[in-house]
Amino acid sequence: MTVCAVLALVAALGALAARHDWRDTLPAVPLVLAHACVVTADGQVNLDAHQMANAATIAAVGIRQEMPEYAVVVALATALQESKLENLSGGDRDSVGLFQQRPSQGWGTPDEILDPRYAAARFYGALRKVEGWEDMRVTDAAQRVQRSAFPEAYQKWAEESEVLAKALFGKATGAVSCTISGEPEVRGAAAAAALADGLSADWGKLRAATADRAGLTVEVRDDRDGWRYAHWLVSHATDHGVERVLFGGLEWDAKDGDWSPIAGVPAAGTGRVVAEVFD
């Protein structure tokens, strides 16, 4: 090869490099993230605080609509695949939200779909209309609602969704642990009021819930109900300024992020869940 040819080749490679960064050809390396929340219920799932809050809302809406636990498993697997449980403002074409629902396909307005409660309710409504969904694999039931170009993609989230659903259905004790770092977004009376509003929006009318400047108390019928609300409160601790949650002889503390026994209090349910907010 002549000197001129070599120089031409070098110039061509230089131009190509300018258009395409060489790093684009490297294999993707997974990032190591510090997870704020850990869910353990016959398995373990790690999520950040926003993902955990969205998962808890999806489950609460399903329970409020009297959907079985398997429906919540399908919903969580769908949201994990479509958005990684992030409430996305955009996506493929006009898709938005946790389930990447499309306004042009009749799912609602963008603002409606970006409300996690609305999006979850619409998903469950569509799932109800799928004949025999209860006997389908997770990915098949999800696909009948979503009609994705990747119909098998939902199945890989089935096990994680089962862990989340079991905890959020109140079938595991102290199963949701979140560590809160930094300053709370709200405090005091404002936090307590926001907490009461959020609980009501997700769960509907409760048997009894009272809020004051210190926090919120919810009367419950049994341990299952208690752990449903306790896990929801921990899941939403970051966005509602929750510092402590107490139920069933255990307390969760935002700083440590773990559940621990309360001295002198029996492990049996106390009939109420107490949430204390940062003052």
C-alpha atoms as a PDB file:
ATOM      1  CA  MET A   1       0.000   0.000   0.000  1.00  0.00           C
ATOM      2  CA  THR A   2       1.415   3.384  -0.958  1.00  0.00           C
ATOM      3  CA  VAL A   3       1.979   6.188   1.542  1.00  0.00           C
ATOM      4  CA  CYS A   4      -0.892   8.125  -0.028  1.00  0.00           C
ATOM      5  CA  ALA A   5      -3.217   5.142   0.351  1.00  0.00           C
ATOM      6  CA  VAL A   6      -2.230   4.746   4.009  1.00  0.00           C
ATOM      7  CA  LEU A   7      -2.862   8.419   4.681  1.00  0.00           C
ATOM      8  CA  ALA A   8      -6.256   8.176   2.971  1.00  0.00           C
ATOM      9  CA  LEU A   9      -7.152   5.158   5.097  1.00  0.00           C
ATOM     10  CA  VAL A  10      -6.122   6.944   8.288  1.00  0.00           C
ATOM     11  CA  ALA A  11      -8.199   9.973   7.308  1.00  0.00           C
ATOM     12  CA  ALA A  12     -11.217   7.776   6.577  1.00  0.00           C
ATOM     13  CA  LEU A  13     -10.895   5.998   9.910  1.00  0.00           C
ATOM     14  CA  GLY A  14     -10.582   9.339  11.649  1.00  0.00           C
ATOM     15  CA  ALA A  15     -13.759  10.592  10.028  1.00  0.00           C
ATOM     16  CA  LEU A  16     -15.565   7.411  11.013  1.00  0.00           C
ATOM     17  CA  ALA A  17     -14.377   7.736  14.600  1.00  0.00           C
ATOM     18  CA  ALA A  18     -15.634  11.307  14.693  1.00  0.00           C
ATOM     19  CA  ARG A  19     -19.111  10.140  13.702  1.00  0.00           C
ATOM     20  CA  HIS A  20     -19.157   6.986  15.865  1.00  0.00           C
ATOM     21  CA  ASP A  21     -17.541   7.008  19.291  1.00  0.00           C
ATOM     22  CA  TRP A  22     -15.471   3.835  19.709  1.00  0.00           C
ATOM     23  CA  ARG A  23     -17.136   3.274  23.085  1.00  0.00           C
ATOM     24  CA  ASP A  24     -20.403   2.544  21.281  1.00  0.00           C
ATOM     25  CA  THR A  25     -18.948  -0.808  20.196  1.00  0.00           C
ATOM     26  CA  LEU A  26     -18.133  -1.968  23.731  1.00  0.00           C
ATOM     27  CA  PRO A  27     -20.454  -4.467  25.432  1.00  0.00           C
ATOM     28  CA  ALA A  28     -22.857  -2.988  27.935  1.00  0.00           C
ATOM     29  CA  VAL A  29     -21.646  -3.292  31.537  1.00  0.00           C
ATOM     30  CA  PRO A  30     -24.355  -3.423  34.186  1.00  0.00           C
ATOM     31  CA  LEU A  31     -24.220  -0.644  36.730  1.00  0.00           C
ATOM     32  CA  VAL A  32     -23.974  -1.464  40.418  1.00  0.00           C
ATOM     33  CA  LEU A  33     -26.664   0.528  42.191  1.00  0.00           C
ATOM     34  CA  ALA A  34     -27.339   1.091  45.873  1.00  0.00           C
ATOM     35  CA  HIS A  35     -30.951   0.025  46.402  1.00  0.00           C
ATOM     36  CA  ALA A  36     -33.036   1.863  48.973  1.00  0.00           C
ATOM     37  CA  CYS A  37     -35.622  -0.903  49.435  1.00  0.00           C
ATOM     38  CA  VAL A  38     -35.391  -4.656  49.905  1.00  0.00           C
ATOM     39  CA  VAL A  39     -38.421  -6.951  49.779  1.00  0.00           C
ATOM     40  CA  THR A  40     -38.105 -10.469  51.182  1.00  0.00           C
ATOM     41  CA  ALA A  41     -40.935 -13.012  50.918  1.00  0.00           C
ATOM     42  CA  ASP A  42     -39.715 -16.431  49.774  1.00  0.00           C
ATOM     43  CA  GLY A  43     -37.191 -14.555  47.653  1.00  0.00           C
ATOM     44  CA  GLN A  44     -35.641 -11.104  47.476  1.00  0.00           C
ATOM     45  CA  VAL A  45     -36.229  -8.045  45.281  1.00  0.00           C
ATOM     46  CA  ASN A  46     -34.198  -4.826  45.322  1.00  0.00           C
ATOM     47  CA  LEU A  47     -35.807  -1.561  44.215  1.00  0.00           C
ATOM     48  CA  ASP A  48     -35.209   2.124  44.683  1.00  0.00           C
ATOM     49  CA  ALA A  49     -37.659   4.214  46.698  1.00  0.00           C
ATOM     50  CA  HIS A  50     -39.701   5.435  43.715  1.00  0.00           C
ATOM     51  CA  GLN A  51     -39.990   1.952  42.220  1.00  0.00           C
ATOM     52  CA  MET A  52     -41.110   0.601  45.588  1.00  0.00           C
ATOM     53  CA  ALA A  53     -43.753   3.293  45.993  1.00  0.00           C
ATOM     54  CA  ASN A  54     -45.138   2.551  42.527  1.00  0.00           C
ATOM     55  CA  ALA A  55     -45.210  -1.189  43.214  1.00  0.00           C
ATOM     56  CA  ALA A  56     -47.126  -0.584  46.452  1.00  0.00           C
ATOM     57  CA  THR A  57     -49.655   1.612  44.659  1.00  0.00           C
ATOM     58  CA  ILE A  58     -50.192  -0.958  41.895  1.00  0.00           C
ATOM     59  CA  ALA A  59     -50.832  -3.635  44.519  1.00  0.00           C
ATOM     60  CA  ALA A  60     -53.139  -1.422  46.604  1.00  0.00           C
ATOM     61  CA  VAL A  61     -55.286  -0.544  43.591  1.00  0.00           C
ATOM     62  CA  GLY A  62     -55.596  -4.221  42.717  1.00  0.00           C
ATOM     63  CA  ILE A  63     -56.598  -5.173  46.257  1.00  0.00           C
ATOM     64  CA  ARG A  64     -59.103  -2.308  46.393  1.00  0.00           C
ATOM     65  CA  GLN A  65     -60.663  -3.591  43.165  1.00  0.00           C
ATOM     66  CA  GLU A  66     -60.842  -7.088  44.708  1.00  0.00           C
ATOM     67  CA  MET A  67     -58.470  -8.532  42.151  1.00  0.00           C
ATOM     68  CA  PRO A  68     -56.750 -11.777  43.170  1.00  0.00           C
ATOM     69  CA  GLU A  69     -53.071 -11.847  44.043  1.00  0.00           C
ATOM     70  CA  TYR A  70     -52.199 -13.335  40.655  1.00  0.00           C
ATOM     71  CA  ALA A  71     -53.609 -10.249  38.926  1.00  0.00           C
ATOM     72  CA  VAL A  72     -51.199  -8.109  40.926  1.00  0.00           C
ATOM     73  CA  VAL A  73     -48.349 -10.437  39.930  1.00  0.00           C
ATOM     74  CA  VAL A  74     -49.267  -9.908  36.262  1.00  0.00           C
ATOM     75  CA  ALA A  75     -49.570  -6.131  36.728  1.00  0.00           C
ATOM     76  CA  LEU A  76     -46.216  -5.842  38.494  1.00  0.00           C
ATOM     77  CA  ALA A  77     -44.466  -7.994  35.881  1.00  0.00           C
ATOM     78  CA  THR A  78     -45.951  -5.805  33.157  1.00  0.00           C
ATOM     79  CA  ALA A  79     -44.823  -2.574  34.815  1.00  0.00           C
ATOM     80  CA  LEU A  80     -41.353  -3.983  35.489  1.00  0.00           C
ATOM     81  CA  GLN A  81     -40.955  -4.843  31.809  1.00  0.00           C
ATOM     82  CA  GLU A  82     -42.543  -1.706  30.373  1.00  0.00           C
ATOM     83  CA  SER A  83     -41.015   0.938  32.645  1.00  0.00           C
ATOM     84  CA  LYS A  84     -38.926  -0.763  35.359  1.00  0.00           C
ATOM     85  CA  LEU A  85     -41.631   0.567  37.711  1.00  0.00           C
ATOM     86  CA  GLU A  86     -40.717   4.156  36.805  1.00  0.00           C
ATOM     87  CA  ASN A  87     -43.527   6.563  35.915  1.00  0.00           C
ATOM     88  CA  LEU A  88     -42.066   7.554  32.542  1.00  0.00           C
ATOM     89  CA  SER A  89     -43.176  10.725  30.796  1.00  0.00           C
ATOM     90  CA  GLY A  90     -42.417   9.246  27.369  1.00  0.00           C
ATOM     91  CA  GLY A  91     -41.622   6.049  25.516  1.00  0.00           C
ATOM     92  CA  ASP A  92     -42.233   4.296  22.225  1.00  0.00           C
ATOM     93  CA  ARG A  93     -44.410   6.543  20.061  1.00  0.00           C
ATOM     94  CA  ASP A  94     -46.929   8.150  22.438  1.00  0.00           C
ATOM     95  CA  SER A  95     -46.557   5.649  25.302  1.00  0.00           C
ATOM     96  CA  VAL A  96     -46.332   7.057  28.831  1.00  0.00           C
ATOM     97  CA  GLY A  97     -46.490   5.924  32.427  1.00  0.00           C
ATOM     98  CA  LEU A  98     -45.849   2.746  34.397  1.00  0.00           C
ATOM     99  CA  PHE A  99     -47.486   0.472  31.825  1.00  0.00           C
ATOM    100  CA  GLN A 100     -46.499   2.542  28.774  1.00  0.00           C
ATOM    101  CA  GLN A 101     -50.129   2.963  27.808  1.00  0.00           C
ATOM    102  CA  ARG A 102     -50.882   4.973  24.680  1.00  0.00           C
ATOM    103  CA  PRO A 103     -53.403   7.820  24.562  1.00  0.00           C
ATOM    104  CA  SER A 104     -53.905   7.172  20.846  1.00  0.00           C
ATOM    105  CA  GLN A 105     -55.074   3.647  21.691  1.00  0.00           C
ATOM    106  CA  GLY A 106     -57.780   4.815  24.060  1.00  0.00           C
ATOM    107  CA  TRP A 107     -56.022   4.368  27.399  1.00  0.00           C
ATOM    108  CA  GLY A 108     -56.701   7.958  28.466  1.00  0.00           C
ATOM    109  CA  THR A 109     -55.043  11.344  28.291  1.00  0.00           C
ATOM    110  CA  PRO A 110     -51.306  11.620  29.034  1.00  0.00           C
ATOM    111  CA  ASP A 111     -52.070  13.323  32.342  1.00  0.00           C
ATOM    112  CA  GLU A 112     -54.471  10.548  33.323  1.00  0.00           C
ATOM    113  CA  ILE A 113     -52.053   7.783  32.392  1.00  0.00           C
ATOM    114  CA  LEU A 114     -49.270   9.471  34.355  1.00  0.00           C
ATOM    115  CA  ASP A 115     -51.367   9.014  37.491  1.00  0.00           C
ATOM    116  CA  PRO A 116     -50.180   5.582  38.754  1.00  0.00           C
ATOM    117  CA  ARG A 117     -53.577   4.860  40.317  1.00  0.00           C
ATOM    118  CA  TYR A 118     -55.431   5.556  37.084  1.00  0.00           C
ATOM    119  CA  ALA A 119     -52.930   3.554  35.027  1.00  0.00           C
ATOM    120  CA  ALA A 120     -53.144   0.561  37.361  1.00  0.00           C
ATOM    121  CA  ALA A 121     -56.949   0.659  37.406  1.00  0.00           C
ATOM    122  CA  ARG A 122     -57.067   0.732  33.606  1.00  0.00           C
ATOM    123  CA  PHE A 123     -54.680  -2.221  33.416  1.00  0.00           C
ATOM    124  CA  TYR A 124     -56.785  -4.294  35.805  1.00  0.00           C
ATOM    125  CA  GLY A 125     -59.930  -3.330  33.905  1.00  0.00           C
ATOM    126  CA  ALA A 126     -58.413  -4.600  30.673  1.00  0.00           C
ATOM    127  CA  LEU A 127     -57.123  -7.766  32.338  1.00  0.00           C
ATOM    128  CA  ARG A 128     -60.614  -8.592  33.637  1.00  0.00           C
ATOM    129  CA  LYS A 129     -61.840  -8.722  30.040  1.00  0.00           C
ATOM    130  CA  VAL A 130     -59.307 -11.387  29.033  1.00  0.00           C
ATOM    131  CA  GLU A 131     -61.114 -14.695  29.213  1.00  0.00           C
ATOM    132  CA  GLY A 132     -59.196 -17.283  31.190  1.00  0.00           C
ATOM    133  CA  TRP A 133     -56.347 -14.963  32.210  1.00  0.00           C
ATOM    134  CA  GLU A 134     -56.220 -16.629  35.647  1.00  0.00           C
ATOM    135  CA  ASP A 135     -54.950 -19.856  34.062  1.00  0.00           C
ATOM    136  CA  MET A 136     -52.422 -18.249  31.707  1.00  0.00           C
ATOM    137  CA  ARG A 137     -48.714 -17.775  32.212  1.00  0.00           C
ATOM    138  CA  VAL A 138     -47.791 -14.301  33.428  1.00  0.00           C
ATOM    139  CA  THR A 139     -46.384 -13.330  30.051  1.00  0.00           C
ATOM    140  CA  ASP A 140     -49.453 -14.571  28.142  1.00  0.00           C
ATOM    141  CA  ALA A 141     -51.902 -12.711  30.380  1.00  0.00           C
ATOM    142  CA  ALA A 142     -49.820  -9.535  30.181  1.00  0.00           C
ATOM    143  CA  GLN A 143     -49.487  -9.822  26.409  1.00  0.00           C
ATOM    144  CA  ARG A 144     -53.247 -10.092  25.931  1.00  0.00           C
ATOM    145  CA  VAL A 145     -53.501  -6.641  27.527  1.00  0.00           C
ATOM    146  CA  GLN A 146     -50.353  -4.984  26.204  1.00  0.00           C
ATOM    147  CA  ARG A 147     -50.005  -6.527  22.727  1.00  0.00           C
ATOM    148  CA  SER A 148     -46.261  -6.016  22.795  1.00  0.00           C
ATOM    149  CA  ALA A 149     -43.822  -6.735  19.985  1.00  0.00           C
ATOM    150  CA  PHE A 150     -41.958  -8.894  22.551  1.00  0.00           C
ATOM    151  CA  PRO A 151     -44.681 -11.163  23.982  1.00  0.00           C
ATOM    152  CA  GLU A 152     -42.311 -13.369  26.018  1.00  0.00           C
ATOM    153  CA  ALA A 153     -40.568 -10.465  27.759  1.00  0.00           C
ATOM    154  CA  TYR A 154     -42.909 -10.301  30.744  1.00  0.00           C
ATOM    155  CA  GLN A 155     -42.159 -13.816  31.989  1.00  0.00           C
ATOM    156  CA  LYS A 156     -38.679 -12.971  33.235  1.00  0.00           C
ATOM    157  CA  TRP A 157     -40.258 -10.734  35.899  1.00  0.00           C
ATOM    158  CA  ALA A 158     -42.668 -13.359  37.204  1.00  0.00           C
ATOM    159  CA  GLU A 159     -40.608 -14.500  40.198  1.00  0.00           C
ATOM    160  CA  GLU A 160     -39.785 -10.974  41.365  1.00  0.00           C
ATOM    161  CA  SER A 161     -43.429  -9.993  40.977  1.00  0.00           C
ATOM    162  CA  GLU A 162     -44.529 -12.948  43.082  1.00  0.00           C
ATOM    163  CA  VAL A 163     -42.199 -11.827  45.885  1.00  0.00           C
ATOM    164  CA  LEU A 164     -43.523  -8.266  45.716  1.00  0.00           C
ATOM    165  CA  ALA A 165     -47.161  -9.342  45.564  1.00  0.00           C
ATOM    166  CA  LYS A 166     -46.848 -11.670  48.549  1.00  0.00           C
ATOM    167  CA  ALA A 167     -45.374  -8.908  50.703  1.00  0.00           C
ATOM    168  CA  LEU A 168     -47.780  -6.214  49.541  1.00  0.00           C
ATOM    169  CA  PHE A 169     -50.759  -8.537  50.085  1.00  0.00           C
ATOM    170  CA  GLY A 170     -49.728  -8.724  53.730  1.00  0.00           C
ATOM    171  CA  LYS A 171     -48.732 -12.383  53.585  1.00  0.00           C
ATOM    172  CA  ALA A 172     -45.249 -11.810  55.012  1.00  0.00           C
ATOM    173  CA  THR A 173     -44.133 -10.136  58.239  1.00  0.00           C
ATOM    174  CA  GLY A 174     -41.800  -7.152  58.080  1.00  0.00           C
ATOM    175  CA  ALA A 175     -41.021  -7.978  54.457  1.00  0.00           C
ATOM    176  CA  VAL A 176     -40.555  -4.455  53.062  1.00  0.00           C
ATOM    177  CA  SER A 177     -37.502  -2.602  54.361  1.00  0.00           C
ATOM    178  CA  CYS A 178     -36.469   0.792  53.003  1.00  0.00           C
ATOM    179  CA  THR A 179     -33.611   3.024  54.108  1.00  0.00           C
ATOM    180  CA  ILE A 180     -34.254   6.767  53.889  1.00  0.00           C
ATOM    181  CA  SER A 181     -31.221   8.973  53.314  1.00  0.00           C
ATOM    182  CA  GLY A 182     -31.060  12.763  53.192  1.00  0.00           C
ATOM    183  CA  GLU A 183     -33.744  15.187  54.235  1.00  0.00           C
ATOM    184  CA  PRO A 184     -37.422  14.180  54.009  1.00  0.00           C
ATOM    185  CA  GLU A 185     -39.439  15.905  51.288  1.00  0.00           C
ATOM    186  CA  VAL A 186     -42.154  16.934  53.773  1.00  0.00           C
ATOM    187  CA  ARG A 187     -42.408  17.108  57.561  1.00  0.00           C
ATOM    188  CA  GLY A 188     -44.862  17.519  60.393  1.00  0.00           C
ATOM    189  CA  ALA A 189     -48.509  18.303  59.719  1.00  0.00           C
ATOM    190  CA  ALA A 190     -47.945  18.578  55.962  1.00  0.00           C
ATOM    191  CA  ALA A 191     -46.393  15.101  55.892  1.00  0.00           C
ATOM    192  CA  ALA A 192     -49.208  13.612  57.972  1.00  0.00           C
ATOM    193  CA  ALA A 193     -51.863  15.177  55.724  1.00  0.00           C
ATOM    194  CA  ALA A 194     -50.109  14.006  52.545  1.00  0.00           C
ATOM    195  CA  LEU A 195     -49.772  10.526  54.026  1.00  0.00           C
ATOM    196  CA  ALA A 196     -53.485  10.355  54.833  1.00  0.00           C
ATOM    197  CA  ASP A 197     -54.382  11.593  51.347  1.00  0.00           C
ATOM    198  CA  GLY A 198     -52.082   9.078  49.669  1.00  0.00           C
ATOM    199  CA  LEU A 199     -53.366   6.172  51.746  1.00  0.00           C
ATOM    200  CA  SER A 200     -56.953   7.080  50.967  1.00  0.00           C
ATOM    201  CA  ALA A 201     -56.234   7.551  47.245  1.00  0.00           C
ATOM    202  CA  ASP A 202     -54.630   4.115  46.959  1.00  0.00           C
ATOM    203  CA  TRP A 203     -56.843   2.116  49.307  1.00  0.00           C
ATOM    204  CA  GLY A 204     -60.145   3.957  49.246  1.00  0.00           C
ATOM    205  CA  LYS A 205     -62.225   4.284  52.396  1.00  0.00           C
ATOM    206  CA  LEU A 206     -60.578   2.565  55.359  1.00  0.00           C
ATOM    207  CA  ARG A 207     -62.221   1.227  58.502  1.00  0.00           C
ATOM    208  CA  ALA A 208     -60.703   4.031  60.527  1.00  0.00           C
ATOM    209  CA  ALA A 209     -57.731   6.272  59.904  1.00  0.00           C
ATOM    210  CA  THR A 210     -56.810   9.316  61.959  1.00  0.00           C
ATOM    211  CA  ALA A 211     -54.052  11.785  61.251  1.00  0.00           C
ATOM    212  CA  ASP A 212     -52.438  14.431  63.406  1.00  0.00           C
ATOM    213  CA  ARG A 213     -49.205  16.382  63.339  1.00  0.00           C
ATOM    214  CA  ALA A 214     -47.246  13.366  64.567  1.00  0.00           C
ATOM    215  CA  GLY A 215     -48.465  10.991  61.887  1.00  0.00           C
ATOM    216  CA  LEU A 216     -51.206   8.518  61.117  1.00  0.00           C
ATOM    217  CA  THR A 217     -52.998   5.629  62.841  1.00  0.00           C
ATOM    218  CA  VAL A 218     -54.981   3.003  60.906  1.00  0.00           C
ATOM    219  CA  GLU A 219     -57.320   0.531  62.595  1.00  0.00           C
ATOM    220  CA  VAL A 220     -57.046  -2.970  61.069  1.00  0.00           C
ATOM    221  CA  ARG A 221     -59.063  -6.181  61.286  1.00  0.00           C
ATOM    222  CA  ASP A 222     -56.213  -8.689  61.351  1.00  0.00           C
ATOM    223  CA  ASP A 223     -52.508  -9.197  60.790  1.00  0.00           C
ATOM    224  CA  ARG A 224     -52.898  -9.488  57.018  1.00  0.00           C
ATOM    225  CA  ASP A 225     -54.568  -6.091  56.768  1.00  0.00           C
ATOM    226  CA  GLY A 226     -52.018  -4.666  59.165  1.00  0.00           C
ATOM    227  CA  TRP A 227     -49.049  -5.768  57.103  1.00  0.00           C
ATOM    228  CA  ARG A 228     -50.684  -4.544  53.906  1.00  0.00           C
ATOM    229  CA  TYR A 229     -50.839  -1.029  55.304  1.00  0.00           C
ATOM    230  CA  ALA A 230     -47.531  -1.253  57.160  1.00  0.00           C
ATOM    231  CA  HIS A 231     -45.693  -2.312  54.008  1.00  0.00           C
ATOM    232  CA  TRP A 232     -47.466   0.402  52.002  1.00  0.00           C
ATOM    233  CA  LEU A 233     -46.404   3.021  54.545  1.00  0.00           C
ATOM    234  CA  VAL A 234     -42.766   1.923  54.399  1.00  0.00           C
ATOM    235  CA  SER A 235     -42.914   1.813  50.594  1.00  0.00           C
ATOM    236  CA  HIS A 236     -44.111   5.428  50.518  1.00  0.00           C
ATOM    237  CA  ALA A 237     -41.876   6.638  53.339  1.00  0.00           C
ATOM    238  CA  THR A 238     -39.573   8.684  51.117  1.00  0.00           C
ATOM    239  CA  ASP A 239     -42.281  10.733  49.407  1.00  0.00           C
ATOM    240  CA  HIS A 240     -44.406  11.166  52.552  1.00  0.00           C
ATOM    241  CA  GLY A 241     -41.819  11.886  55.235  1.00  0.00           C
ATOM    242  CA  VAL A 242     -42.415   8.722  57.286  1.00  0.00           C
ATOM    243  CA  GLU A 243     -39.876   8.187  60.072  1.00  0.00           C
ATOM    244  CA  ARG A 244     -41.278   5.135  61.900  1.00  0.00           C
ATOM    245  CA  VAL A 245     -43.931   2.471  61.319  1.00  0.00           C
ATOM    246  CA  LEU A 246     -45.178   0.241  64.126  1.00  0.00           C
ATOM    247  CA  PHE A 247     -47.247  -2.931  63.879  1.00  0.00           C
ATOM    248  CA  GLY A 248     -47.372  -6.460  65.270  1.00  0.00           C
ATOM    249  CA  GLY A 249     -44.786  -5.875  67.972  1.00  0.00           C
ATOM    250  CA  LEU A 250     -42.270  -4.614  65.413  1.00  0.00           C
ATOM    251  CA  GLU A 251     -41.096  -1.170  64.373  1.00  0.00           C
ATOM    252  CA  TRP A 252     -39.456   0.054  61.189  1.00  0.00           C
ATOM    253  CA  ASP A 253     -37.081   3.012  61.439  1.00  0.00           C
ATOM    254  CA  ALA A 254     -36.185   5.161  58.423  1.00  0.00           C
ATOM    255  CA  LYS A 255     -32.574   5.607  59.464  1.00  0.00           C
ATOM    256  CA  ASP A 256     -31.764   1.921  59.933  1.00  0.00           C
ATOM    257  CA  GLY A 257     -34.274   0.726  57.345  1.00  0.00           C
ATOM    258  CA  ASP A 258     -35.012  -2.481  59.217  1.00  0.00           C
ATOM    259  CA  TRP A 259     -37.820  -3.965  61.299  1.00  0.00           C
ATOM    260  CA  SER A 260     -36.967  -4.750  64.920  1.00  0.00           C
ATOM    261  CA  PRO A 261     -38.924  -5.976  67.972  1.00  0.00           C
ATOM    262  CA  ILE A 262     -40.457  -3.386  70.286  1.00  0.00           C
ATOM    263  CA  ALA A 263     -39.499  -4.148  73.866  1.00  0.00           C
ATOM    264  CA  GLY A 264     -42.444  -5.282  75.950  1.00  0.00           C
ATOM    265  CA  VAL A 265     -44.887  -5.474  73.031  1.00  0.00           C
ATOM    266  CA  PRO A 266     -46.205  -8.918  71.961  1.00  0.00           C
ATOM    267  CA  ALA A 267     -45.649 -10.084  68.393  1.00  0.00           C
ATOM    268  CA  ALA A 268     -49.380 -10.525  67.787  1.00  0.00           C
ATOM    269  CA  GLY A 269     -51.204  -7.815  65.867  1.00  0.00           C
ATOM    270  CA  THR A 270     -52.255  -4.834  67.931  1.00  0.00           C
ATOM    271  CA  GLY A 271     -55.302  -3.909  65.847  1.00  0.00           C
ATOM    272  CA  ARG A 272     -53.731  -0.745  64.535  1.00  0.00           C
ATOM    273  CA  VAL A 273     -50.824   0.414  62.389  1.00  0.00           C
ATOM    274  CA  VAL A 274     -49.030   3.569  63.477  1.00  0.00           C
ATOM    275  CA  ALA A 275     -46.910   5.760  61.217  1.00  0.00           C
ATOM    276  CA  GLU A 276     -44.858   8.605  62.650  1.00  0.00           C
ATOM    277  CA  VAL A 277     -43.568  11.389  60.383  1.00  0.00           C
ATOM    278  CA  PHE A 278     -40.479  13.545  60.690  1.00  0.00           C
ATOM    279  CA  ASP A 279     -41.219  16.638  62.794  1.00  0.00           C
END
